[in-house]
Structures are given as C-alpha cells and as structure tokens.
Amino acid sequence: MTTSRDEGRRTLLLMRHAKSSWAAVGQSDFERPLAPRGERDAPRLGRWISENLDSPDCVVCSPARRAADTARLVLDAAGREDAEIVWDERIYGGGVRDLLTIVSELPNASTALLVGHYPGMWELTEFLSGSPVTPEPGQKPFPTAALAVLRTDLAWGRIAASSAELVTVVRPRLLD
C-alpha cells in the first residue's frame, strides 16, 4: 500500500513565547526582550521537545523579539540550531482565523512548530482540539512558554475545528 505525501500522522506544536521583560520604559511591545526567567524556560522546553518528540521540520514564528528569542533558544536546546525559521507577522496579534490560515499554508512537514502569543496560541489549541485547556490551580491555561502538542492525520491544508487530538500541554513550571 502506498500513501500520498499528504497522508500520515502530523504533529503541531503551538508555543507561547517565554516570559518577557517590561523593564525598559517606553520600549514598544514588539521589541520587548525575554526576562531572565524566559531565558531559562525556553531551553527547558527545547530539551523536552528533543527528549519526547520528533524534531520540528518546519518552524514559523512571530517576528516580535520575545517570540524570536524564544524560538532560537528552543531550537538550540533541541539540537536544531540550523533550523530555518519563517517569520510571519500574522502571528503577532493574530486570532484563530489568522493562525489557522498559517497552519493551512505549512509545507509538507511531519512536525511543525509555531511560536506566538497569548491568547492566539491558546485559542488555536482549543479550536483545533475541540477541548478546553485545563489550567493548573491558580494558573493561566496557557502561561508563558507553554507548549501544546497536537496530532492529526489530516494534511495541513485540511485541518479544521476539532480535527486534532490534544496530546498534552507542557508548562515550564512542571519540568523540574
């Protein structure tokens, strides 16, 4: 039996950028860097990815500084410092419709990583899985550096509401 290039199991990793700094007065939201906690958390998620999942063959990221720095730290820690990152401005401030369009445009990759912002990454996770992201007591459902792992058998261009399985949401505080 042969399979087409569009068939097969796909993994979508949706990550919120790591903790950012508000220290610089007057700095634009787009230019905010990572805080020290973010600089520690992002590599932790990268190591978790390398130990538990196939390495992303496609990476799409918001060009906002905190997201870009998160993506680079995650990929370095996952052993993918050579990975090409596609910068997509639609992720910055994008809602479910914008993010779904980005996912539908992904190349034929078995594992794709999108790095973006709250609430977009959280809302897309719930939309694609058709199930709520349950937060830890006293926590946000999708804190900084949270990583949702979704799986689907559909081609990226066919993914829609409730068409993916939410495997897990990894939160940095739980990686000790």
N, C-alpha and C. Protein backbone atom coordinates (compact mmCIF):
# COMPACT_ATOMS: atom_id res chain seq x y z
N MET A 1 0.85 -1.19 0.00
CA MET A 1 0.00 0.00 0.00
C MET A 1 0.88 1.24 0.00
N THR A 2 0.58 2.18 -0.85
CA THR A 2 1.33 3.42 -0.90
C THR A 2 0.50 4.53 -0.28
N THR A 3 1.19 5.53 0.22
CA THR A 3 0.50 6.68 0.79
C THR A 3 0.96 7.93 0.07
N SER A 4 0.07 8.88 -0.05
CA SER A 4 0.44 10.15 -0.68
C SER A 4 1.21 10.99 0.31
N ARG A 5 1.88 12.00 -0.22
CA ARG A 5 2.67 12.88 0.65
C ARG A 5 1.79 13.64 1.64
N ASP A 6 0.50 13.73 1.38
CA ASP A 6 -0.38 14.47 2.27
C ASP A 6 -0.99 13.60 3.36
N GLU A 7 -0.76 12.30 3.30
CA GLU A 7 -1.31 11.42 4.33
C GLU A 7 -0.27 11.16 5.40
N GLY A 8 -0.73 10.75 6.56
CA GLY A 8 0.19 10.40 7.63
C GLY A 8 -0.01 11.26 8.85
N ARG A 9 0.55 10.79 9.92
CA ARG A 9 0.44 11.47 11.21
C ARG A 9 1.26 12.75 11.20
N ARG A 10 0.65 13.83 11.68
CA ARG A 10 1.33 15.11 11.79
C ARG A 10 1.25 15.59 13.24
N THR A 11 2.30 16.27 13.65
CA THR A 11 2.34 16.85 14.99
C THR A 11 2.49 18.36 14.85
N LEU A 12 1.61 19.07 15.53
CA LEU A 12 1.65 20.53 15.55
C LEU A 12 1.99 20.97 16.96
N LEU A 13 3.06 21.73 17.08
CA LEU A 13 3.49 22.28 18.36
C LEU A 13 3.15 23.76 18.37
N LEU A 14 2.31 24.16 19.30
CA LEU A 14 1.92 25.57 19.44
C LEU A 14 2.52 26.08 20.73
N MET A 15 3.40 27.05 20.62
CA MET A 15 4.11 27.55 21.80
C MET A 15 3.90 29.04 21.98
N ARG A 16 3.62 29.40 23.22
CA ARG A 16 3.58 30.81 23.59
C ARG A 16 5.01 31.22 23.93
N HIS A 17 5.39 32.41 23.54
CA HIS A 17 6.74 32.90 23.85
C HIS A 17 7.01 32.80 25.35
N ALA A 18 8.28 32.72 25.71
CA ALA A 18 8.68 32.67 27.11
C ALA A 18 8.49 34.04 27.77
N LYS A 19 8.64 34.08 29.07
CA LYS A 19 8.41 35.29 29.87
C LYS A 19 9.23 36.46 29.35
N SER A 20 8.55 37.57 29.11
CA SER A 20 9.23 38.75 28.58
C SER A 20 9.44 39.79 29.67
N SER A 21 10.32 40.73 29.36
CA SER A 21 10.69 41.77 30.31
C SER A 21 9.91 43.05 30.02
N TRP A 22 9.51 43.70 31.08
CA TRP A 22 8.86 45.00 30.99
C TRP A 22 9.78 46.09 31.55
N ALA A 23 11.06 45.78 31.70
CA ALA A 23 11.99 46.67 32.40
C ALA A 23 12.28 47.97 31.66
N ALA A 24 12.36 47.93 30.35
CA ALA A 24 12.72 49.13 29.58
C ALA A 24 11.49 50.03 29.40
N VAL A 25 11.53 51.16 30.06
CA VAL A 25 10.43 52.12 29.96
C VAL A 25 10.37 52.68 28.55
N GLY A 26 9.18 52.75 27.99
CA GLY A 26 9.00 53.31 26.67
C GLY A 26 9.30 52.37 25.52
N GLN A 27 9.71 51.17 25.83
CA GLN A 27 10.00 50.20 24.76
C GLN A 27 8.70 49.68 24.16
N SER A 28 8.66 49.53 22.85
CA SER A 28 7.45 49.05 22.22
C SER A 28 7.20 47.59 22.60
N ASP A 29 5.93 47.20 22.57
CA ASP A 29 5.56 45.82 22.86
C ASP A 29 6.29 44.87 21.93
N PHE A 30 6.41 45.23 20.67
CA PHE A 30 7.03 44.38 19.66
C PHE A 30 8.51 44.11 19.97
N GLU A 31 9.17 45.06 20.60
CA GLU A 31 10.62 44.96 20.86
C GLU A 31 10.98 44.42 22.24
N ARG A 32 9.98 44.05 23.05
CA ARG A 32 10.30 43.56 24.40
C ARG A 32 11.14 42.29 24.35
N PRO A 33 12.25 42.24 25.10
CA PRO A 33 13.10 41.05 25.14
C PRO A 33 12.58 40.06 26.18
N LEU A 34 13.25 38.93 26.24
CA LEU A 34 12.92 37.95 27.27
C LEU A 34 13.45 38.40 28.62
N ALA A 35 12.73 38.05 29.66
CA ALA A 35 13.18 38.25 31.03
C ALA A 35 14.12 37.07 31.38
N PRO A 36 14.89 37.19 32.44
CA PRO A 36 15.76 36.07 32.83
C PRO A 36 15.01 34.74 32.95
N ARG A 37 13.79 34.77 33.49
CA ARG A 37 13.02 33.53 33.59
C ARG A 37 12.72 32.96 32.21
N GLY A 38 12.41 33.82 31.26
CA GLY A 38 12.16 33.37 29.89
C GLY A 38 13.39 32.76 29.26
N GLU A 39 14.55 33.34 29.55
CA GLU A 39 15.81 32.82 29.02
C GLU A 39 16.13 31.44 29.62
N ARG A 40 15.62 31.15 30.80
CA ARG A 40 15.79 29.82 31.41
C ARG A 40 14.73 28.83 30.92
N ASP A 41 13.49 29.30 30.78
CA ASP A 41 12.39 28.40 30.42
C ASP A 41 12.44 27.91 28.98
N ALA A 42 12.78 28.78 28.04
CA ALA A 42 12.76 28.40 26.63
C ALA A 42 13.67 27.19 26.36
N PRO A 43 14.91 27.18 26.82
CA PRO A 43 15.74 25.99 26.59
C PRO A 43 15.20 24.73 27.27
N ARG A 44 14.53 24.89 28.39
CA ARG A 44 13.93 23.73 29.05
C ARG A 44 12.90 23.08 28.15
N LEU A 45 12.09 23.90 27.47
CA LEU A 45 11.11 23.36 26.54
C LEU A 45 11.79 22.74 25.33
N GLY A 46 12.88 23.32 24.87
CA GLY A 46 13.62 22.75 23.75
C GLY A 46 14.18 21.38 24.10
N ARG A 47 14.71 21.23 25.30
CA ARG A 47 15.21 19.92 25.73
C ARG A 47 14.06 18.92 25.84
N TRP A 48 12.91 19.38 26.35
CA TRP A 48 11.75 18.49 26.45
C TRP A 48 11.34 18.00 25.06
N ILE A 49 11.31 18.90 24.10
CA ILE A 49 10.97 18.52 22.73
C ILE A 49 11.94 17.47 22.22
N SER A 50 13.24 17.70 22.40
CA SER A 50 14.23 16.75 21.87
C SER A 50 14.15 15.39 22.54
N GLU A 51 13.72 15.34 23.79
CA GLU A 51 13.62 14.08 24.52
C GLU A 51 12.30 13.34 24.28
N ASN A 52 11.27 14.05 23.83
CA ASN A 52 9.93 13.45 23.76
C ASN A 52 9.26 13.44 22.39
N LEU A 53 9.76 14.21 21.44
CA LEU A 53 9.08 14.36 20.15
C LEU A 53 10.08 14.32 19.01
N ASP A 54 9.55 14.14 17.81
CA ASP A 54 10.38 14.32 16.63
C ASP A 54 10.72 15.80 16.50
N SER A 55 11.89 16.06 16.04
CA SER A 55 12.34 17.43 15.87
C SER A 55 11.49 18.15 14.82
N PRO A 56 11.14 19.40 15.05
CA PRO A 56 10.32 20.13 14.08
C PRO A 56 11.04 20.26 12.74
N ASP A 57 10.33 19.92 11.64
CA ASP A 57 10.91 20.14 10.33
C ASP A 57 10.47 21.46 9.73
N CYS A 58 9.58 22.15 10.41
CA CYS A 58 9.08 23.43 9.95
C CYS A 58 8.84 24.31 11.18
N VAL A 59 9.37 25.53 11.14
CA VAL A 59 9.21 26.46 12.26
C VAL A 59 8.71 27.79 11.72
N VAL A 60 7.59 28.25 12.27
CA VAL A 60 7.02 29.54 11.89
C VAL A 60 6.86 30.34 13.17
N CYS A 61 7.32 31.58 13.14
CA CYS A 61 7.38 32.37 14.38
C CYS A 61 6.97 33.81 14.14
N SER A 62 6.36 34.38 15.16
CA SER A 62 6.11 35.81 15.18
C SER A 62 7.46 36.53 15.16
N PRO A 63 7.56 37.63 14.43
CA PRO A 63 8.82 38.37 14.42
C PRO A 63 9.03 39.26 15.66
N ALA A 64 8.08 39.29 16.58
CA ALA A 64 8.28 40.06 17.81
C ALA A 64 9.51 39.51 18.52
N ARG A 65 10.30 40.39 19.10
CA ARG A 65 11.59 39.99 19.68
C ARG A 65 11.47 38.85 20.68
N ARG A 66 10.49 38.90 21.59
CA ARG A 66 10.38 37.87 22.62
C ARG A 66 10.04 36.51 22.02
N ALA A 67 9.25 36.49 20.95
CA ALA A 67 8.93 35.23 20.28
C ALA A 67 10.14 34.72 19.51
N ALA A 68 10.82 35.62 18.80
CA ALA A 68 12.01 35.23 18.03
C ALA A 68 13.10 34.67 18.93
N ASP A 69 13.33 35.33 20.06
CA ASP A 69 14.34 34.83 21.01
C ASP A 69 13.93 33.49 21.59
N THR A 70 12.64 33.32 21.86
CA THR A 70 12.14 32.04 22.36
C THR A 70 12.40 30.94 21.35
N ALA A 71 12.04 31.18 20.10
CA ALA A 71 12.23 30.16 19.05
C ALA A 71 13.69 29.76 18.92
N ARG A 72 14.58 30.73 18.92
CA ARG A 72 16.01 30.42 18.77
C ARG A 72 16.52 29.60 19.96
N LEU A 73 16.13 29.97 21.17
CA LEU A 73 16.57 29.23 22.36
C LEU A 73 16.00 27.81 22.38
N VAL A 74 14.75 27.66 22.00
CA VAL A 74 14.12 26.33 21.95
C VAL A 74 14.83 25.46 20.93
N LEU A 75 15.06 25.99 19.74
CA LEU A 75 15.69 25.21 18.69
C LEU A 75 17.13 24.86 19.03
N ASP A 76 17.87 25.79 19.61
CA ASP A 76 19.24 25.49 20.03
C ASP A 76 19.27 24.34 21.04
N ALA A 77 18.39 24.41 22.03
CA ALA A 77 18.35 23.37 23.08
C ALA A 77 17.85 22.04 22.54
N ALA A 78 17.06 22.08 21.46
CA ALA A 78 16.55 20.85 20.84
C ALA A 78 17.54 20.28 19.84
N GLY A 79 18.69 20.92 19.70
CA GLY A 79 19.69 20.45 18.76
C GLY A 79 19.39 20.81 17.32
N ARG A 80 18.57 21.83 17.12
CA ARG A 80 18.17 22.26 15.77
C ARG A 80 18.58 23.71 15.51
N GLU A 81 19.79 24.08 15.98
CA GLU A 81 20.24 25.46 15.79
C GLU A 81 20.34 25.83 14.31
N ASP A 82 20.37 24.84 13.42
CA ASP A 82 20.44 25.08 11.99
C ASP A 82 19.07 25.21 11.33
N ALA A 83 18.01 25.04 12.11
CA ALA A 83 16.66 25.07 11.55
C ALA A 83 16.33 26.44 10.97
N GLU A 84 15.67 26.42 9.83
CA GLU A 84 15.21 27.66 9.22
C GLU A 84 13.93 28.09 9.91
N ILE A 85 13.86 29.37 10.24
CA ILE A 85 12.66 29.93 10.86
C ILE A 85 11.98 30.84 9.85
N VAL A 86 10.70 30.62 9.65
CA VAL A 86 9.91 31.51 8.79
C VAL A 86 9.25 32.54 9.71
N TRP A 87 9.49 33.81 9.44
CA TRP A 87 8.92 34.88 10.25
C TRP A 87 7.61 35.30 9.62
N ASP A 88 6.55 35.28 10.40
CA ASP A 88 5.22 35.58 9.86
C ASP A 88 4.54 36.61 10.76
N GLU A 89 4.39 37.83 10.24
CA GLU A 89 3.80 38.93 11.02
C GLU A 89 2.35 38.68 11.40
N ARG A 90 1.68 37.78 10.70
CA ARG A 90 0.28 37.50 11.02
C ARG A 90 0.13 36.86 12.40
N ILE A 91 1.19 36.25 12.91
CA ILE A 91 1.12 35.62 14.23
C ILE A 91 1.00 36.67 15.33
N TYR A 92 1.68 37.80 15.16
CA TYR A 92 1.66 38.86 16.16
C TYR A 92 0.27 39.48 16.16
N GLY A 93 -0.47 39.23 17.21
CA GLY A 93 -1.83 39.76 17.33
C GLY A 93 -2.87 38.96 16.57
N GLY A 94 -2.45 37.86 15.97
CA GLY A 94 -3.37 37.07 15.16
C GLY A 94 -4.35 36.27 15.99
N GLY A 95 -5.56 36.17 15.49
CA GLY A 95 -6.59 35.36 16.12
C GLY A 95 -6.64 33.99 15.46
N VAL A 96 -7.62 33.22 15.84
CA VAL A 96 -7.74 31.84 15.35
C VAL A 96 -7.77 31.80 13.82
N ARG A 97 -8.53 32.66 13.20
CA ARG A 97 -8.64 32.64 11.73
C ARG A 97 -7.28 32.87 11.08
N ASP A 98 -6.53 33.87 11.56
CA ASP A 98 -5.20 34.15 11.00
C ASP A 98 -4.27 32.96 11.21
N LEU A 99 -4.27 32.43 12.42
CA LEU A 99 -3.36 31.32 12.75
C LEU A 99 -3.73 30.06 12.00
N LEU A 100 -5.01 29.82 11.83
CA LEU A 100 -5.45 28.66 11.06
C LEU A 100 -5.00 28.77 9.60
N THR A 101 -5.03 29.97 9.06
CA THR A 101 -4.53 30.18 7.70
C THR A 101 -3.05 29.85 7.62
N ILE A 102 -2.29 30.27 8.61
CA ILE A 102 -0.85 29.96 8.63
C ILE A 102 -0.64 28.45 8.67
N VAL A 103 -1.38 27.75 9.51
CA VAL A 103 -1.25 26.29 9.60
C VAL A 103 -1.60 25.66 8.26
N SER A 104 -2.65 26.15 7.62
CA SER A 104 -3.08 25.56 6.34
C SER A 104 -2.03 25.76 5.25
N GLU A 105 -1.15 26.73 5.42
CA GLU A 105 -0.11 27.03 4.43
C GLU A 105 1.22 26.32 4.72
N LEU A 106 1.28 25.56 5.81
CA LEU A 106 2.53 24.88 6.15
C LEU A 106 2.94 23.93 5.03
N PRO A 107 4.24 23.81 4.80
CA PRO A 107 4.69 22.84 3.81
C PRO A 107 4.48 21.42 4.34
N ASN A 108 4.69 20.46 3.50
CA ASN A 108 4.52 19.06 3.89
C ASN A 108 5.59 18.71 4.92
N ALA A 109 5.25 18.82 6.18
CA ALA A 109 6.16 18.54 7.29
C ALA A 109 5.44 17.64 8.27
N SER A 110 6.16 16.73 8.87
CA SER A 110 5.50 15.85 9.84
C SER A 110 5.37 16.51 11.21
N THR A 111 6.31 17.40 11.54
CA THR A 111 6.24 18.12 12.81
C THR A 111 6.49 19.59 12.56
N ALA A 112 5.54 20.42 12.94
CA ALA A 112 5.66 21.87 12.75
C ALA A 112 5.55 22.57 14.09
N LEU A 113 6.35 23.61 14.27
CA LEU A 113 6.35 24.42 15.49
C LEU A 113 5.95 25.84 15.12
N LEU A 114 4.92 26.35 15.81
CA LEU A 114 4.54 27.75 15.69
C LEU A 114 4.81 28.41 17.04
N VAL A 115 5.51 29.52 17.02
CA VAL A 115 5.80 30.27 18.25
C VAL A 115 5.11 31.62 18.14
N GLY A 116 4.25 31.89 19.13
CA GLY A 116 3.47 33.12 19.06
C GLY A 116 3.09 33.65 20.42
N HIS A 117 1.88 34.12 20.52
CA HIS A 117 1.46 34.94 21.65
C HIS A 117 0.15 34.45 22.26
N TYR A 118 -0.14 35.00 23.42
CA TYR A 118 -1.40 34.77 24.13
C TYR A 118 -2.34 35.91 23.73
N PRO A 119 -3.57 35.65 23.45
CA PRO A 119 -4.29 34.40 23.61
C PRO A 119 -4.33 33.52 22.36
N GLY A 120 -3.70 33.95 21.26
CA GLY A 120 -3.81 33.24 20.00
C GLY A 120 -3.43 31.77 20.05
N MET A 121 -2.28 31.46 20.64
CA MET A 121 -1.84 30.06 20.69
C MET A 121 -2.81 29.21 21.52
N TRP A 122 -3.30 29.77 22.60
CA TRP A 122 -4.26 29.06 23.47
C TRP A 122 -5.58 28.84 22.72
N GLU A 123 -6.08 29.89 22.09
CA GLU A 123 -7.35 29.79 21.38
C GLU A 123 -7.26 28.80 20.22
N LEU A 124 -6.13 28.80 19.50
CA LEU A 124 -5.96 27.87 18.40
C LEU A 124 -5.89 26.43 18.91
N THR A 125 -5.24 26.23 20.04
CA THR A 125 -5.18 24.89 20.64
C THR A 125 -6.58 24.37 20.93
N GLU A 126 -7.39 25.18 21.57
CA GLU A 126 -8.76 24.76 21.90
C GLU A 126 -9.61 24.57 20.64
N PHE A 127 -9.43 25.43 19.66
CA PHE A 127 -10.20 25.33 18.41
C PHE A 127 -9.87 24.04 17.67
N LEU A 128 -8.59 23.75 17.51
CA LEU A 128 -8.19 22.57 16.75
C LEU A 128 -8.52 21.27 17.48
N SER A 129 -8.41 21.30 18.81
CA SER A 129 -8.65 20.07 19.58
C SER A 129 -10.12 19.88 19.95
N GLY A 130 -10.87 20.98 19.96
CA GLY A 130 -12.27 20.89 20.37
C GLY A 130 -12.43 20.64 21.85
N SER A 131 -11.36 20.87 22.61
CA SER A 131 -11.44 20.67 24.06
C SER A 131 -10.72 21.80 24.78
N PRO A 132 -11.19 22.12 25.98
CA PRO A 132 -10.56 23.21 26.73
C PRO A 132 -9.19 22.81 27.26
N VAL A 133 -8.33 23.81 27.36
CA VAL A 133 -7.03 23.61 28.00
C VAL A 133 -7.25 23.86 29.48
N THR A 134 -7.09 22.82 30.27
CA THR A 134 -7.35 22.92 31.70
C THR A 134 -6.11 23.43 32.41
N PRO A 135 -6.24 24.56 33.10
CA PRO A 135 -5.06 25.11 33.79
C PRO A 135 -4.78 24.40 35.11
N GLU A 136 -3.55 24.54 35.54
CA GLU A 136 -3.19 24.11 36.89
C GLU A 136 -3.89 25.06 37.86
N PRO A 137 -4.20 24.61 39.08
CA PRO A 137 -4.86 25.50 40.04
C PRO A 137 -4.07 26.80 40.22
N GLY A 138 -4.79 27.90 40.10
CA GLY A 138 -4.18 29.22 40.27
C GLY A 138 -3.33 29.69 39.11
N GLN A 139 -3.35 28.95 38.00
CA GLN A 139 -2.52 29.30 36.85
C GLN A 139 -3.39 29.68 35.65
N LYS A 140 -2.79 30.36 34.70
CA LYS A 140 -3.45 30.64 33.43
C LYS A 140 -3.48 29.34 32.63
N PRO A 141 -4.44 29.22 31.73
CA PRO A 141 -4.50 27.98 30.94
C PRO A 141 -3.30 27.82 30.01
N PHE A 142 -2.69 28.92 29.62
CA PHE A 142 -1.58 28.86 28.67
C PHE A 142 -0.53 29.90 29.09
N PRO A 143 0.24 29.62 30.15
CA PRO A 143 1.21 30.59 30.65
C PRO A 143 2.37 30.78 29.67
N THR A 144 3.24 31.72 29.96
CA THR A 144 4.40 31.93 29.10
C THR A 144 5.19 30.64 28.99
N ALA A 145 5.71 30.40 27.80
CA ALA A 145 6.50 29.21 27.44
C ALA A 145 5.69 27.92 27.45
N ALA A 146 4.36 28.01 27.51
CA ALA A 146 3.54 26.80 27.42
C ALA A 146 3.65 26.25 26.00
N LEU A 147 3.59 24.92 25.90
CA LEU A 147 3.70 24.24 24.63
C LEU A 147 2.58 23.22 24.50
N ALA A 148 1.72 23.41 23.51
CA ALA A 148 0.65 22.45 23.23
C ALA A 148 1.13 21.51 22.15
N VAL A 149 0.89 20.21 22.36
CA VAL A 149 1.24 19.19 21.38
C VAL A 149 -0.06 18.62 20.84
N LEU A 150 -0.29 18.81 19.55
CA LEU A 150 -1.49 18.32 18.89
C LEU A 150 -1.10 17.34 17.79
N ARG A 151 -1.95 16.35 17.57
CA ARG A 151 -1.70 15.38 16.49
C ARG A 151 -2.93 15.28 15.61
N THR A 152 -2.67 15.08 14.33
CA THR A 152 -3.75 14.92 13.35
C THR A 152 -3.28 14.02 12.22
N ASP A 153 -4.22 13.40 11.55
CA ASP A 153 -3.92 12.60 10.36
C ASP A 153 -4.21 13.39 9.09
N LEU A 154 -4.67 14.61 9.24
CA LEU A 154 -5.02 15.43 8.08
C LEU A 154 -3.82 16.21 7.56
N ALA A 155 -3.85 16.50 6.27
CA ALA A 155 -2.87 17.41 5.69
C ALA A 155 -3.10 18.79 6.29
N TRP A 156 -2.04 19.59 6.38
CA TRP A 156 -2.17 20.91 7.00
C TRP A 156 -3.28 21.74 6.35
N GLY A 157 -3.43 21.63 5.06
CA GLY A 157 -4.45 22.41 4.35
C GLY A 157 -5.87 21.99 4.65
N ARG A 158 -6.04 20.83 5.29
CA ARG A 158 -7.38 20.33 5.60
C ARG A 158 -7.72 20.42 7.08
N ILE A 159 -6.80 20.88 7.89
CA ILE A 159 -7.04 20.95 9.34
C ILE A 159 -8.15 21.96 9.63
N ALA A 160 -8.99 21.63 10.59
CA ALA A 160 -10.16 22.46 10.89
C ALA A 160 -10.53 22.29 12.37
N ALA A 161 -11.61 22.89 12.76
CA ALA A 161 -12.09 22.79 14.14
C ALA A 161 -12.22 21.33 14.55
N SER A 162 -11.75 21.02 15.73
CA SER A 162 -11.86 19.69 16.35
C SER A 162 -11.26 18.57 15.50
N SER A 163 -10.25 18.88 14.70
CA SER A 163 -9.66 17.87 13.83
C SER A 163 -8.31 17.36 14.33
N ALA A 164 -7.90 17.81 15.51
CA ALA A 164 -6.63 17.37 16.07
C ALA A 164 -6.84 16.88 17.50
N GLU A 165 -5.98 15.99 17.91
CA GLU A 165 -6.01 15.48 19.28
C GLU A 165 -5.02 16.29 20.12
N LEU A 166 -5.48 16.81 21.24
CA LEU A 166 -4.58 17.49 22.16
C LEU A 166 -3.88 16.42 22.99
N VAL A 167 -2.61 16.21 22.74
CA VAL A 167 -1.83 15.18 23.43
C VAL A 167 -1.45 15.66 24.83
N THR A 168 -0.92 16.87 24.90
CA THR A 168 -0.51 17.42 26.19
C THR A 168 -0.28 18.92 26.06
N VAL A 169 -0.28 19.59 27.20
CA VAL A 169 0.20 20.97 27.29
C VAL A 169 1.32 20.94 28.31
N VAL A 170 2.50 21.30 27.86
CA VAL A 170 3.69 21.29 28.73
C VAL A 170 3.89 22.71 29.24
N ARG A 171 3.99 22.81 30.56
CA ARG A 171 4.23 24.11 31.20
C ARG A 171 5.60 24.06 31.87
N PRO A 172 6.39 25.13 31.72
CA PRO A 172 7.77 25.07 32.23
C PRO A 172 7.87 24.78 33.73
N ARG A 173 6.93 25.23 34.50
CA ARG A 173 6.99 25.00 35.96
C ARG A 173 6.90 23.53 36.32
N LEU A 174 6.37 22.73 35.40
CA LEU A 174 6.19 21.30 35.67
C LEU A 174 7.36 20.46 35.15
N LEU A 175 8.41 21.09 34.67
CA LEU A 175 9.54 20.36 34.09
C LEU A 175 10.71 20.18 35.04
N ASP A 176 10.54 20.40 36.30
CA ASP A 176 11.66 20.23 37.24
C ASP A 176 12.02 18.79 37.45
